[in-house]
N, C-alpha and C. Protein backbone atom coordinates (compact mmCIF):
# COMPACT_ATOMS: atom_id res chain seq x y z
N MET A 1 41.90 -38.94 26.15
CA MET A 1 41.26 -37.65 25.84
C MET A 1 39.76 -37.74 26.16
N THR A 2 39.25 -36.69 26.78
CA THR A 2 37.84 -36.67 27.15
C THR A 2 36.94 -36.55 25.93
N ASP A 3 35.90 -37.38 25.90
CA ASP A 3 34.88 -37.27 24.86
C ASP A 3 33.84 -36.26 25.36
N PHE A 4 34.04 -35.00 24.99
CA PHE A 4 33.17 -33.95 25.51
C PHE A 4 31.74 -34.08 25.02
N ALA A 5 31.54 -34.57 23.80
CA ALA A 5 30.18 -34.75 23.29
C ALA A 5 29.42 -35.77 24.14
N ALA A 6 30.09 -36.85 24.52
CA ALA A 6 29.47 -37.86 25.38
C ALA A 6 29.22 -37.29 26.77
N ALA A 7 30.18 -36.51 27.28
CA ALA A 7 30.01 -35.89 28.60
C ALA A 7 28.82 -34.93 28.60
N ARG A 8 28.64 -34.23 27.46
CA ARG A 8 27.51 -33.30 27.35
C ARG A 8 26.18 -34.05 27.39
N ARG A 9 26.10 -35.16 26.68
CA ARG A 9 24.89 -35.97 26.72
C ARG A 9 24.60 -36.48 28.12
N MET A 10 25.64 -36.91 28.82
CA MET A 10 25.47 -37.40 30.18
C MET A 10 25.01 -36.29 31.11
N MET A 11 25.54 -35.07 30.91
CA MET A 11 25.10 -33.93 31.72
C MET A 11 23.62 -33.68 31.53
N VAL A 12 23.18 -33.66 30.28
CA VAL A 12 21.78 -33.38 30.00
C VAL A 12 20.89 -34.50 30.54
N ASP A 13 21.28 -35.74 30.28
CA ASP A 13 20.43 -36.87 30.68
C ASP A 13 20.49 -37.15 32.18
N GLY A 14 21.63 -36.85 32.82
CA GLY A 14 21.79 -37.18 34.22
C GLY A 14 21.54 -36.04 35.19
N GLN A 15 21.68 -34.78 34.71
CA GLN A 15 21.53 -33.63 35.61
C GLN A 15 20.35 -32.73 35.25
N VAL A 16 20.14 -32.52 33.95
CA VAL A 16 19.13 -31.54 33.52
C VAL A 16 17.74 -32.17 33.42
N ARG A 17 17.61 -33.23 32.64
CA ARG A 17 16.29 -33.85 32.45
C ARG A 17 15.66 -34.33 33.76
N PRO A 18 16.40 -34.94 34.70
CA PRO A 18 15.77 -35.41 35.93
C PRO A 18 15.36 -34.29 36.89
N SER A 19 15.67 -33.04 36.55
CA SER A 19 15.41 -31.91 37.45
C SER A 19 14.17 -31.12 37.05
N ASP A 20 13.21 -31.80 36.44
CA ASP A 20 11.94 -31.18 36.03
C ASP A 20 12.13 -30.09 34.97
N VAL A 21 13.18 -30.19 34.19
CA VAL A 21 13.38 -29.29 33.06
C VAL A 21 12.77 -29.97 31.84
N THR A 22 11.64 -29.45 31.38
CA THR A 22 10.89 -30.10 30.31
C THR A 22 10.86 -29.32 29.00
N ASP A 23 11.41 -28.10 29.00
CA ASP A 23 11.43 -27.28 27.79
C ASP A 23 12.43 -27.90 26.81
N LEU A 24 11.92 -28.43 25.71
CA LEU A 24 12.79 -29.11 24.76
C LEU A 24 13.78 -28.15 24.09
N ARG A 25 13.40 -26.87 23.97
CA ARG A 25 14.34 -25.90 23.40
C ARG A 25 15.54 -25.72 24.31
N LEU A 26 15.28 -25.66 25.62
CA LEU A 26 16.36 -25.51 26.60
C LEU A 26 17.23 -26.76 26.65
N ILE A 27 16.60 -27.91 26.66
CA ILE A 27 17.37 -29.16 26.65
C ILE A 27 18.24 -29.22 25.40
N GLY A 28 17.68 -28.83 24.27
CA GLY A 28 18.45 -28.81 23.03
C GLY A 28 19.61 -27.83 23.08
N ALA A 29 19.38 -26.67 23.70
CA ALA A 29 20.44 -25.67 23.80
C ALA A 29 21.60 -26.18 24.64
N MET A 30 21.27 -26.85 25.76
CA MET A 30 22.33 -27.34 26.63
C MET A 30 23.04 -28.55 26.01
N GLN A 31 22.35 -29.24 25.13
CA GLN A 31 22.99 -30.32 24.38
C GLN A 31 23.89 -29.76 23.28
N ASP A 32 23.53 -28.59 22.79
CA ASP A 32 24.23 -28.00 21.65
C ASP A 32 25.47 -27.20 22.04
N VAL A 33 25.41 -26.45 23.14
CA VAL A 33 26.49 -25.53 23.49
C VAL A 33 27.67 -26.30 24.11
N PRO A 34 28.86 -26.17 23.56
CA PRO A 34 30.04 -26.88 24.09
C PRO A 34 30.56 -26.19 25.36
N ARG A 35 30.09 -26.65 26.49
CA ARG A 35 30.44 -26.02 27.77
C ARG A 35 31.94 -25.99 28.00
N GLU A 36 32.65 -27.00 27.50
CA GLU A 36 34.10 -27.03 27.70
C GLU A 36 34.80 -25.86 27.03
N ARG A 37 34.18 -25.27 26.00
CA ARG A 37 34.80 -24.13 25.32
C ARG A 37 34.75 -22.88 26.19
N PHE A 38 33.88 -22.87 27.19
CA PHE A 38 33.73 -21.71 28.05
C PHE A 38 34.43 -21.89 29.40
N VAL A 39 35.28 -22.89 29.47
CA VAL A 39 36.06 -23.18 30.68
C VAL A 39 37.53 -23.13 30.32
N PRO A 40 38.38 -22.43 31.08
CA PRO A 40 39.81 -22.42 30.77
C PRO A 40 40.36 -23.84 30.72
N PRO A 41 41.37 -24.08 29.88
CA PRO A 41 41.90 -25.44 29.71
C PRO A 41 42.24 -26.15 31.02
N ALA A 42 42.69 -25.42 32.01
CA ALA A 42 43.07 -26.05 33.29
C ALA A 42 41.88 -26.69 33.99
N PHE A 43 40.66 -26.21 33.68
CA PHE A 43 39.47 -26.72 34.34
C PHE A 43 38.56 -27.50 33.38
N ALA A 44 39.03 -27.75 32.16
CA ALA A 44 38.16 -28.35 31.14
C ALA A 44 37.60 -29.70 31.57
N GLN A 45 38.37 -30.49 32.33
CA GLN A 45 37.89 -31.80 32.76
C GLN A 45 36.72 -31.69 33.73
N LEU A 46 36.49 -30.50 34.29
CA LEU A 46 35.39 -30.31 35.24
C LEU A 46 34.12 -29.79 34.56
N ALA A 47 34.20 -29.51 33.28
CA ALA A 47 33.14 -28.75 32.61
C ALA A 47 31.75 -29.33 32.78
N TYR A 48 31.63 -30.66 32.77
CA TYR A 48 30.30 -31.27 32.77
C TYR A 48 29.94 -31.93 34.10
N LEU A 49 30.73 -31.69 35.13
CA LEU A 49 30.42 -32.26 36.43
C LEU A 49 29.32 -31.46 37.13
N ASP A 50 28.71 -32.07 38.13
CA ASP A 50 27.62 -31.45 38.88
C ASP A 50 28.20 -30.53 39.95
N LEU A 51 28.82 -29.46 39.51
CA LEU A 51 29.41 -28.50 40.44
C LEU A 51 29.55 -27.15 39.77
N ASP A 52 29.81 -26.13 40.60
CA ASP A 52 30.08 -24.78 40.09
C ASP A 52 31.54 -24.76 39.64
N VAL A 53 31.77 -24.64 38.34
CA VAL A 53 33.11 -24.79 37.78
C VAL A 53 33.86 -23.46 37.83
N PRO A 54 35.03 -23.41 38.47
CA PRO A 54 35.81 -22.16 38.49
C PRO A 54 36.30 -21.79 37.10
N VAL A 55 36.30 -20.48 36.82
CA VAL A 55 36.76 -20.02 35.51
C VAL A 55 37.87 -18.98 35.60
N ASN A 56 38.34 -18.71 36.81
CA ASN A 56 39.51 -17.84 36.96
C ASN A 56 40.26 -18.27 38.21
N ALA A 57 41.32 -17.54 38.53
CA ALA A 57 42.20 -17.94 39.63
C ALA A 57 41.49 -17.81 40.98
N PRO A 58 41.86 -18.65 41.95
CA PRO A 58 41.27 -18.54 43.29
C PRO A 58 41.56 -17.16 43.88
N GLY A 59 40.65 -16.71 44.73
CA GLY A 59 40.80 -15.41 45.35
C GLY A 59 39.45 -14.85 45.75
N ALA A 60 39.47 -13.62 46.20
CA ALA A 60 38.24 -13.00 46.69
C ALA A 60 37.18 -12.89 45.61
N ASN A 61 37.61 -12.74 44.37
CA ASN A 61 36.65 -12.56 43.27
C ASN A 61 36.65 -13.75 42.32
N GLN A 62 36.90 -14.95 42.85
CA GLN A 62 36.86 -16.12 41.97
C GLN A 62 35.44 -16.31 41.45
N ARG A 63 35.35 -16.60 40.18
CA ARG A 63 34.05 -16.73 39.52
C ARG A 63 33.87 -18.15 39.00
N HIS A 64 32.61 -18.49 38.77
CA HIS A 64 32.27 -19.85 38.40
C HIS A 64 31.18 -19.88 37.33
N LEU A 65 31.10 -21.00 36.61
CA LEU A 65 29.89 -21.34 35.88
C LEU A 65 28.97 -22.06 36.85
N LEU A 66 27.70 -21.68 36.86
CA LEU A 66 26.75 -22.34 37.75
C LEU A 66 26.62 -23.82 37.41
N LYS A 67 26.29 -24.63 38.42
CA LYS A 67 25.98 -26.03 38.17
C LYS A 67 24.97 -26.13 37.03
N PRO A 68 25.15 -27.08 36.13
CA PRO A 68 24.21 -27.20 35.01
C PRO A 68 22.75 -27.30 35.45
N MET A 69 22.48 -28.05 36.50
CA MET A 69 21.10 -28.21 36.97
C MET A 69 20.52 -26.89 37.45
N VAL A 70 21.30 -26.13 38.22
CA VAL A 70 20.82 -24.86 38.75
C VAL A 70 20.56 -23.87 37.61
N LEU A 71 21.51 -23.77 36.69
CA LEU A 71 21.33 -22.86 35.56
C LEU A 71 20.11 -23.25 34.74
N ALA A 72 19.96 -24.54 34.45
CA ALA A 72 18.84 -25.00 33.64
C ALA A 72 17.50 -24.69 34.30
N LYS A 73 17.40 -24.92 35.60
CA LYS A 73 16.14 -24.68 36.30
C LYS A 73 15.81 -23.19 36.38
N LEU A 74 16.84 -22.35 36.55
CA LEU A 74 16.61 -20.90 36.55
C LEU A 74 16.09 -20.45 35.19
N ILE A 75 16.75 -20.88 34.13
CA ILE A 75 16.33 -20.48 32.78
C ILE A 75 14.94 -21.03 32.48
N HIS A 76 14.68 -22.25 32.87
CA HIS A 76 13.37 -22.87 32.66
C HIS A 76 12.28 -22.04 33.32
N ALA A 77 12.54 -21.58 34.55
CA ALA A 77 11.54 -20.80 35.30
C ALA A 77 11.28 -19.45 34.64
N ALA A 78 12.27 -18.93 33.91
CA ALA A 78 12.11 -17.62 33.28
C ALA A 78 11.20 -17.64 32.07
N ASP A 79 10.89 -18.83 31.57
CA ASP A 79 9.91 -19.01 30.48
C ASP A 79 10.24 -18.08 29.30
N ILE A 80 11.41 -18.28 28.72
CA ILE A 80 11.92 -17.38 27.69
C ILE A 80 11.26 -17.64 26.34
N ARG A 81 10.86 -16.55 25.70
CA ARG A 81 10.25 -16.63 24.37
C ARG A 81 11.27 -16.19 23.31
N ALA A 82 11.00 -16.59 22.08
CA ALA A 82 11.94 -16.33 21.00
C ALA A 82 12.11 -14.85 20.69
N THR A 83 11.18 -14.01 21.12
CA THR A 83 11.27 -12.57 20.87
C THR A 83 11.84 -11.80 22.06
N ASP A 84 12.15 -12.49 23.15
CA ASP A 84 12.59 -11.82 24.37
C ASP A 84 13.99 -11.22 24.23
N ILE A 85 14.20 -10.13 24.96
CA ILE A 85 15.53 -9.53 25.12
C ILE A 85 15.97 -9.87 26.55
N ALA A 86 17.14 -10.51 26.68
CA ALA A 86 17.60 -10.98 27.98
C ALA A 86 18.88 -10.26 28.40
N LEU A 87 19.01 -10.05 29.71
CA LEU A 87 20.23 -9.51 30.30
C LEU A 87 20.83 -10.60 31.19
N ASP A 88 22.07 -10.98 30.89
CA ASP A 88 22.79 -11.99 31.66
C ASP A 88 23.78 -11.26 32.55
N VAL A 89 23.45 -11.16 33.84
CA VAL A 89 24.25 -10.38 34.79
C VAL A 89 25.33 -11.28 35.39
N GLY A 90 26.59 -10.93 35.12
CA GLY A 90 27.69 -11.76 35.58
C GLY A 90 27.91 -12.93 34.65
N CYS A 91 28.02 -12.65 33.36
CA CYS A 91 28.09 -13.72 32.36
C CYS A 91 29.37 -14.54 32.46
N ALA A 92 30.39 -14.03 33.16
CA ALA A 92 31.68 -14.72 33.29
C ALA A 92 32.24 -15.03 31.90
N THR A 93 32.42 -16.30 31.57
CA THR A 93 33.02 -16.65 30.28
C THR A 93 32.00 -16.79 29.16
N GLY A 94 30.72 -16.56 29.46
CA GLY A 94 29.71 -16.49 28.41
C GLY A 94 28.89 -17.74 28.16
N TYR A 95 29.09 -18.81 28.95
CA TYR A 95 28.33 -20.04 28.70
C TYR A 95 26.83 -19.82 28.84
N SER A 96 26.41 -19.20 29.91
CA SER A 96 24.98 -18.97 30.13
C SER A 96 24.40 -18.10 29.02
N SER A 97 25.18 -17.14 28.54
CA SER A 97 24.72 -16.27 27.45
C SER A 97 24.51 -17.07 26.18
N ALA A 98 25.40 -18.04 25.93
CA ALA A 98 25.26 -18.88 24.74
C ALA A 98 23.99 -19.72 24.81
N VAL A 99 23.67 -20.22 26.00
CA VAL A 99 22.43 -20.98 26.18
C VAL A 99 21.22 -20.07 25.99
N LEU A 100 21.26 -18.90 26.63
CA LEU A 100 20.14 -17.95 26.50
C LEU A 100 19.93 -17.55 25.05
N ALA A 101 21.01 -17.39 24.30
CA ALA A 101 20.92 -16.93 22.91
C ALA A 101 20.17 -17.91 22.03
N ARG A 102 20.14 -19.15 22.43
CA ARG A 102 19.42 -20.15 21.65
C ARG A 102 17.93 -20.18 21.98
N LEU A 103 17.52 -19.37 22.95
CA LEU A 103 16.12 -19.31 23.35
C LEU A 103 15.51 -17.94 23.10
N ALA A 104 16.27 -16.88 23.35
CA ALA A 104 15.77 -15.51 23.27
C ALA A 104 16.12 -14.88 21.92
N GLY A 105 15.54 -13.70 21.67
CA GLY A 105 15.85 -12.98 20.45
C GLY A 105 17.23 -12.37 20.46
N SER A 106 17.63 -11.81 21.61
CA SER A 106 18.97 -11.24 21.76
C SER A 106 19.33 -11.23 23.24
N VAL A 107 20.64 -11.17 23.50
CA VAL A 107 21.15 -11.23 24.87
C VAL A 107 22.21 -10.16 25.06
N VAL A 108 22.12 -9.44 26.17
CA VAL A 108 23.18 -8.55 26.61
C VAL A 108 23.91 -9.28 27.73
N ALA A 109 25.20 -9.55 27.53
CA ALA A 109 26.01 -10.29 28.50
C ALA A 109 26.86 -9.30 29.28
N LEU A 110 26.51 -9.07 30.54
CA LEU A 110 27.17 -8.05 31.37
C LEU A 110 28.23 -8.70 32.25
N GLU A 111 29.44 -8.16 32.18
CA GLU A 111 30.54 -8.64 33.02
C GLU A 111 31.37 -7.44 33.46
N GLU A 112 31.85 -7.49 34.72
CA GLU A 112 32.66 -6.37 35.20
C GLU A 112 34.15 -6.68 35.19
N ASP A 113 34.51 -7.93 35.03
CA ASP A 113 35.91 -8.34 34.96
C ASP A 113 36.35 -8.30 33.50
N ASP A 114 37.30 -7.43 33.19
CA ASP A 114 37.72 -7.25 31.80
C ASP A 114 38.22 -8.54 31.17
N ALA A 115 39.01 -9.31 31.90
CA ALA A 115 39.58 -10.54 31.35
C ALA A 115 38.49 -11.55 31.05
N LEU A 116 37.51 -11.68 31.93
CA LEU A 116 36.41 -12.60 31.69
C LEU A 116 35.56 -12.14 30.51
N ALA A 117 35.35 -10.83 30.40
CA ALA A 117 34.57 -10.30 29.29
C ALA A 117 35.25 -10.60 27.95
N ARG A 118 36.58 -10.47 27.90
CA ARG A 118 37.32 -10.79 26.67
C ARG A 118 37.20 -12.28 26.35
N TYR A 119 37.31 -13.11 27.38
CA TYR A 119 37.18 -14.55 27.19
C TYR A 119 35.79 -14.87 26.64
N ALA A 120 34.76 -14.25 27.23
CA ALA A 120 33.38 -14.49 26.79
C ALA A 120 33.20 -14.10 25.33
N ASP A 121 33.74 -12.95 24.96
CA ASP A 121 33.60 -12.48 23.58
C ASP A 121 34.22 -13.47 22.60
N GLU A 122 35.41 -13.96 22.94
CA GLU A 122 36.10 -14.91 22.07
C GLU A 122 35.37 -16.25 22.01
N ALA A 123 34.92 -16.74 23.17
CA ALA A 123 34.24 -18.04 23.21
C ALA A 123 32.92 -17.99 22.46
N LEU A 124 32.19 -16.91 22.62
CA LEU A 124 30.91 -16.78 21.93
C LEU A 124 31.12 -16.69 20.42
N SER A 125 32.13 -15.95 20.00
CA SER A 125 32.43 -15.85 18.57
C SER A 125 32.83 -17.20 18.00
N SER A 126 33.65 -17.94 18.74
CA SER A 126 34.15 -19.22 18.23
C SER A 126 33.06 -20.27 18.14
N THR A 127 31.97 -20.08 18.88
CA THR A 127 30.87 -21.05 18.83
C THR A 127 29.71 -20.55 17.97
N GLY A 128 29.96 -19.48 17.22
CA GLY A 128 28.96 -18.98 16.28
C GLY A 128 27.74 -18.37 16.93
N THR A 129 27.91 -17.80 18.12
CA THR A 129 26.79 -17.19 18.84
C THR A 129 26.76 -15.71 18.51
N ALA A 130 25.91 -15.33 17.55
CA ALA A 130 25.95 -13.97 17.02
C ALA A 130 24.99 -13.01 17.70
N SER A 131 24.02 -13.50 18.45
CA SER A 131 22.98 -12.62 19.00
C SER A 131 23.28 -12.15 20.41
N VAL A 132 24.55 -12.23 20.83
CA VAL A 132 24.96 -11.79 22.16
C VAL A 132 25.90 -10.60 22.04
N THR A 133 25.64 -9.57 22.84
CA THR A 133 26.53 -8.42 22.94
C THR A 133 27.16 -8.43 24.32
N VAL A 134 28.48 -8.54 24.40
CA VAL A 134 29.19 -8.52 25.68
C VAL A 134 29.51 -7.08 26.04
N VAL A 135 29.12 -6.69 27.25
CA VAL A 135 29.37 -5.33 27.73
C VAL A 135 30.06 -5.40 29.08
N VAL A 136 30.78 -4.35 29.43
CA VAL A 136 31.56 -4.33 30.67
C VAL A 136 31.07 -3.20 31.57
N GLY A 137 30.78 -3.54 32.82
CA GLY A 137 30.33 -2.54 33.78
C GLY A 137 29.98 -3.20 35.09
N PRO A 138 29.67 -2.40 36.13
CA PRO A 138 29.31 -2.96 37.43
C PRO A 138 28.06 -3.83 37.32
N LEU A 139 28.14 -5.03 37.87
CA LEU A 139 27.04 -5.98 37.71
C LEU A 139 25.75 -5.48 38.33
N ALA A 140 25.84 -4.90 39.51
CA ALA A 140 24.64 -4.49 40.23
C ALA A 140 23.90 -3.34 39.55
N ALA A 141 24.59 -2.64 38.64
CA ALA A 141 23.96 -1.51 37.94
C ALA A 141 23.14 -1.97 36.74
N GLY A 142 23.30 -3.23 36.33
CA GLY A 142 22.60 -3.68 35.13
C GLY A 142 23.13 -2.96 33.90
N TRP A 143 22.27 -2.85 32.88
CA TRP A 143 22.67 -2.16 31.65
C TRP A 143 21.49 -1.31 31.17
N PRO A 144 21.29 -0.16 31.82
CA PRO A 144 20.09 0.65 31.56
C PRO A 144 19.97 1.16 30.13
N SER A 145 21.09 1.30 29.42
CA SER A 145 21.01 1.87 28.07
C SER A 145 20.25 0.97 27.10
N GLN A 146 20.12 -0.31 27.42
CA GLN A 146 19.36 -1.21 26.55
C GLN A 146 18.13 -1.78 27.24
N ALA A 147 17.81 -1.25 28.40
CA ALA A 147 16.60 -1.66 29.12
C ALA A 147 15.38 -1.02 28.44
N PRO A 148 14.19 -1.57 28.68
CA PRO A 148 13.89 -2.65 29.61
C PRO A 148 14.08 -4.02 28.98
N PHE A 149 14.22 -5.04 29.86
CA PHE A 149 14.46 -6.41 29.43
C PHE A 149 13.26 -7.28 29.77
N ASP A 150 13.06 -8.29 28.94
CA ASP A 150 12.02 -9.29 29.23
C ASP A 150 12.47 -10.24 30.32
N VAL A 151 13.78 -10.55 30.31
CA VAL A 151 14.34 -11.52 31.26
C VAL A 151 15.68 -11.01 31.76
N ILE A 152 15.90 -11.14 33.07
CA ILE A 152 17.21 -10.87 33.66
C ILE A 152 17.62 -12.11 34.45
N LEU A 153 18.80 -12.63 34.13
CA LEU A 153 19.40 -13.74 34.87
C LEU A 153 20.55 -13.21 35.69
N ILE A 154 20.49 -13.38 37.01
CA ILE A 154 21.63 -13.07 37.87
C ILE A 154 22.42 -14.36 38.02
N ASN A 155 23.65 -14.34 37.52
CA ASN A 155 24.42 -15.56 37.34
C ASN A 155 25.23 -15.92 38.58
N GLY A 156 24.52 -16.14 39.68
CA GLY A 156 25.14 -16.46 40.96
C GLY A 156 24.13 -16.18 42.05
N SER A 157 24.58 -16.22 43.29
CA SER A 157 23.65 -15.92 44.38
C SER A 157 23.71 -14.44 44.72
N ALA A 158 22.62 -13.94 45.28
CA ALA A 158 22.51 -12.54 45.67
C ALA A 158 21.92 -12.48 47.07
N GLU A 159 22.59 -11.77 47.95
CA GLU A 159 22.02 -11.55 49.29
C GLU A 159 21.01 -10.41 49.25
N THR A 160 21.11 -9.60 48.23
CA THR A 160 20.14 -8.52 48.00
C THR A 160 20.06 -8.28 46.50
N VAL A 161 18.87 -8.00 46.00
CA VAL A 161 18.70 -7.71 44.58
C VAL A 161 18.60 -6.19 44.41
N PRO A 162 19.54 -5.56 43.74
CA PRO A 162 19.51 -4.11 43.59
C PRO A 162 18.24 -3.64 42.87
N LYS A 163 17.68 -2.57 43.35
CA LYS A 163 16.47 -2.02 42.73
C LYS A 163 16.73 -1.60 41.28
N ALA A 164 18.00 -1.30 40.98
CA ALA A 164 18.34 -0.91 39.60
C ALA A 164 17.94 -2.00 38.62
N LEU A 165 18.08 -3.25 39.01
CA LEU A 165 17.72 -4.36 38.12
C LEU A 165 16.20 -4.49 38.00
N PHE A 166 15.50 -4.33 39.09
CA PHE A 166 14.04 -4.37 39.02
C PHE A 166 13.51 -3.28 38.09
N ARG A 167 14.14 -2.11 38.13
CA ARG A 167 13.69 -1.01 37.27
C ARG A 167 13.95 -1.28 35.79
N GLN A 168 14.80 -2.25 35.49
CA GLN A 168 15.13 -2.56 34.10
C GLN A 168 14.29 -3.69 33.52
N LEU A 169 13.29 -4.14 34.28
CA LEU A 169 12.37 -5.16 33.80
C LEU A 169 11.20 -4.53 33.05
N LYS A 170 10.82 -5.11 31.93
CA LYS A 170 9.59 -4.71 31.27
C LYS A 170 8.39 -5.08 32.12
N ASP A 171 7.25 -4.49 31.82
CA ASP A 171 6.01 -4.97 32.42
C ASP A 171 5.82 -6.42 31.97
N GLY A 172 5.69 -7.32 32.92
CA GLY A 172 5.64 -8.74 32.60
C GLY A 172 7.00 -9.41 32.58
N GLY A 173 8.07 -8.63 32.77
CA GLY A 173 9.43 -9.17 32.75
C GLY A 173 9.73 -10.01 33.97
N ARG A 174 10.68 -10.95 33.80
CA ARG A 174 11.04 -11.88 34.85
C ARG A 174 12.52 -11.77 35.21
N LEU A 175 12.83 -11.87 36.48
CA LEU A 175 14.21 -11.91 36.96
C LEU A 175 14.37 -13.18 37.78
N VAL A 176 15.44 -13.93 37.50
CA VAL A 176 15.71 -15.16 38.25
C VAL A 176 17.10 -15.10 38.86
N CYS A 177 17.21 -15.68 40.06
CA CYS A 177 18.49 -15.71 40.76
C CYS A 177 18.40 -16.71 41.90
N VAL A 178 19.56 -16.99 42.49
CA VAL A 178 19.60 -17.72 43.76
C VAL A 178 19.74 -16.67 44.84
N PHE A 179 18.83 -16.69 45.81
CA PHE A 179 18.80 -15.64 46.84
C PHE A 179 19.33 -16.19 48.16
N GLY A 180 20.28 -15.44 48.74
CA GLY A 180 20.87 -15.83 50.01
C GLY A 180 22.30 -16.27 49.82
N SER A 181 22.92 -16.73 50.91
CA SER A 181 24.28 -17.25 50.83
C SER A 181 24.40 -18.42 51.79
N GLY A 182 25.34 -19.32 51.48
CA GLY A 182 25.50 -20.50 52.29
C GLY A 182 24.41 -21.52 52.02
N PRO A 183 24.30 -22.54 52.87
CA PRO A 183 23.26 -23.56 52.68
C PRO A 183 21.87 -23.00 52.94
N GLY A 184 20.88 -23.64 52.36
CA GLY A 184 19.50 -23.22 52.61
C GLY A 184 19.03 -22.07 51.77
N CYS A 185 19.71 -21.78 50.66
CA CYS A 185 19.27 -20.70 49.78
C CYS A 185 18.08 -21.15 48.93
N LYS A 186 17.41 -20.18 48.34
CA LYS A 186 16.28 -20.46 47.47
C LYS A 186 16.51 -19.80 46.11
N ALA A 187 16.21 -20.51 45.05
CA ALA A 187 16.11 -19.87 43.75
C ALA A 187 14.80 -19.09 43.72
N MET A 188 14.86 -17.89 43.18
CA MET A 188 13.71 -16.99 43.20
C MET A 188 13.33 -16.59 41.78
N LEU A 189 12.02 -16.42 41.58
CA LEU A 189 11.48 -15.86 40.35
C LEU A 189 10.75 -14.57 40.72
N TYR A 190 11.21 -13.45 40.17
CA TYR A 190 10.57 -12.15 40.38
C TYR A 190 9.88 -11.75 39.08
N ARG A 191 8.74 -11.07 39.21
CA ARG A 191 8.00 -10.65 38.03
C ARG A 191 7.52 -9.21 38.23
N ASN A 192 7.66 -8.40 37.18
CA ASN A 192 7.16 -7.03 37.20
C ASN A 192 5.74 -7.02 36.65
N THR A 193 4.82 -6.63 37.50
CA THR A 193 3.41 -6.54 37.10
C THR A 193 2.92 -5.13 37.34
N GLY A 194 2.77 -4.38 36.25
CA GLY A 194 2.28 -3.01 36.39
C GLY A 194 3.18 -2.11 37.21
N GLY A 195 4.48 -2.36 37.17
CA GLY A 195 5.42 -1.53 37.91
C GLY A 195 5.71 -2.02 39.32
N GLU A 196 5.02 -3.06 39.77
CA GLU A 196 5.26 -3.64 41.08
C GLU A 196 5.96 -4.98 40.89
N VAL A 197 7.09 -5.18 41.60
CA VAL A 197 7.86 -6.42 41.45
C VAL A 197 7.63 -7.30 42.67
N GLY A 198 7.17 -8.50 42.43
CA GLY A 198 6.98 -9.48 43.49
C GLY A 198 7.74 -10.75 43.16
N GLY A 199 8.13 -11.49 44.19
CA GLY A 199 8.91 -12.69 43.97
C GLY A 199 8.39 -13.88 44.75
N ARG A 200 8.77 -15.06 44.29
CA ARG A 200 8.41 -16.29 45.01
C ARG A 200 9.54 -17.30 44.85
N PRO A 201 9.74 -18.14 45.87
CA PRO A 201 10.75 -19.19 45.76
C PRO A 201 10.31 -20.28 44.80
N ILE A 202 11.25 -20.84 44.05
CA ILE A 202 10.90 -21.86 43.06
C ILE A 202 11.61 -23.20 43.30
N PHE A 203 12.78 -23.19 43.93
CA PHE A 203 13.41 -24.45 44.32
C PHE A 203 14.59 -24.14 45.25
N ASP A 204 15.03 -25.15 45.99
CA ASP A 204 16.20 -25.01 46.84
C ASP A 204 17.45 -25.03 45.97
N ALA A 205 18.40 -24.16 46.29
CA ALA A 205 19.61 -24.08 45.47
C ALA A 205 20.73 -23.43 46.27
N ALA A 206 21.92 -23.57 45.75
CA ALA A 206 23.08 -22.86 46.28
C ALA A 206 23.94 -22.43 45.11
N ALA A 207 24.62 -21.31 45.27
CA ALA A 207 25.48 -20.80 44.20
C ALA A 207 26.49 -19.84 44.82
N PRO A 208 27.64 -19.66 44.18
CA PRO A 208 28.62 -18.68 44.68
C PRO A 208 28.03 -17.27 44.65
N LEU A 209 28.37 -16.49 45.66
CA LEU A 209 27.90 -15.11 45.76
C LEU A 209 28.53 -14.27 44.65
N LEU A 210 27.70 -13.51 43.95
CA LEU A 210 28.18 -12.70 42.85
C LEU A 210 28.67 -11.34 43.36
N PRO A 211 29.78 -10.82 42.85
CA PRO A 211 30.27 -9.51 43.28
C PRO A 211 29.21 -8.43 43.09
N GLY A 212 29.07 -7.57 44.10
CA GLY A 212 28.10 -6.49 44.03
C GLY A 212 26.75 -6.84 44.59
N PHE A 213 26.57 -8.09 45.01
CA PHE A 213 25.27 -8.54 45.50
C PHE A 213 25.31 -9.00 46.95
N ALA A 214 26.37 -8.62 47.66
CA ALA A 214 26.46 -8.95 49.08
C ALA A 214 25.62 -7.97 49.90
N LYS A 215 25.01 -8.47 50.94
CA LYS A 215 24.25 -7.62 51.85
C LYS A 215 25.21 -6.74 52.63
N PRO A 216 24.93 -5.43 52.76
CA PRO A 216 25.81 -4.56 53.55
C PRO A 216 25.97 -5.08 54.97
N ARG A 217 27.21 -5.14 55.44
CA ARG A 217 27.47 -5.65 56.77
C ARG A 217 27.22 -4.57 57.81
N ALA A 218 26.47 -4.93 58.85
CA ALA A 218 26.19 -3.98 59.92
C ALA A 218 27.46 -3.78 60.76
N PHE A 219 27.67 -2.53 61.18
CA PHE A 219 28.82 -2.23 62.03
C PHE A 219 28.56 -2.71 63.45
N ALA A 220 29.50 -3.45 64.01
CA ALA A 220 29.33 -3.96 65.38
C ALA A 220 30.35 -3.29 66.28
N PHE A 221 29.88 -2.84 67.43
CA PHE A 221 30.79 -2.21 68.41
C PHE A 221 31.52 -3.29 69.18
């Protein structure tokens, strides 16, 4: 039987700490949240490996938990404060939302797949994560009814960032994501300053493309 507590320590010490993640609150959150609880039993043995862990059946809309290192560095770059309101876009089974909840004041976990949203709700409840609200809707639309947000995490790669999400940032709000597809992508930090959103690359990364964030394909004759 896998010793998940030991695997969690190894993940933090071997993947998170060596990746310039120095926020002790974030390190503590990733040490505290049982990642295996947010992975279906068939994939539980993969929960703490350095890879994007699948959380549903293979297919066009297969979803994943981001690599621990990539998720940690994105959250670290967002510089989350205890009073912040965060939007987790594409929360999947809710692991990232559970981590965010240990840093922010409250989290809106947005998922468009009904089955994943139900899984997230159950997993978050079973781990005592009370400050997360799971909502269902198109990922690219965000959740305007509870905007603006201090932090928005796009839980995957995006070939384009919808303006709807930029409009849901507070003044001073931050949005983090992996931008692009395939090898050579960049993790990006966007910030709203006086209504103008600007972004900069923060590290090299790769992540599965999130539904609703693909660049429109040009028609070829």
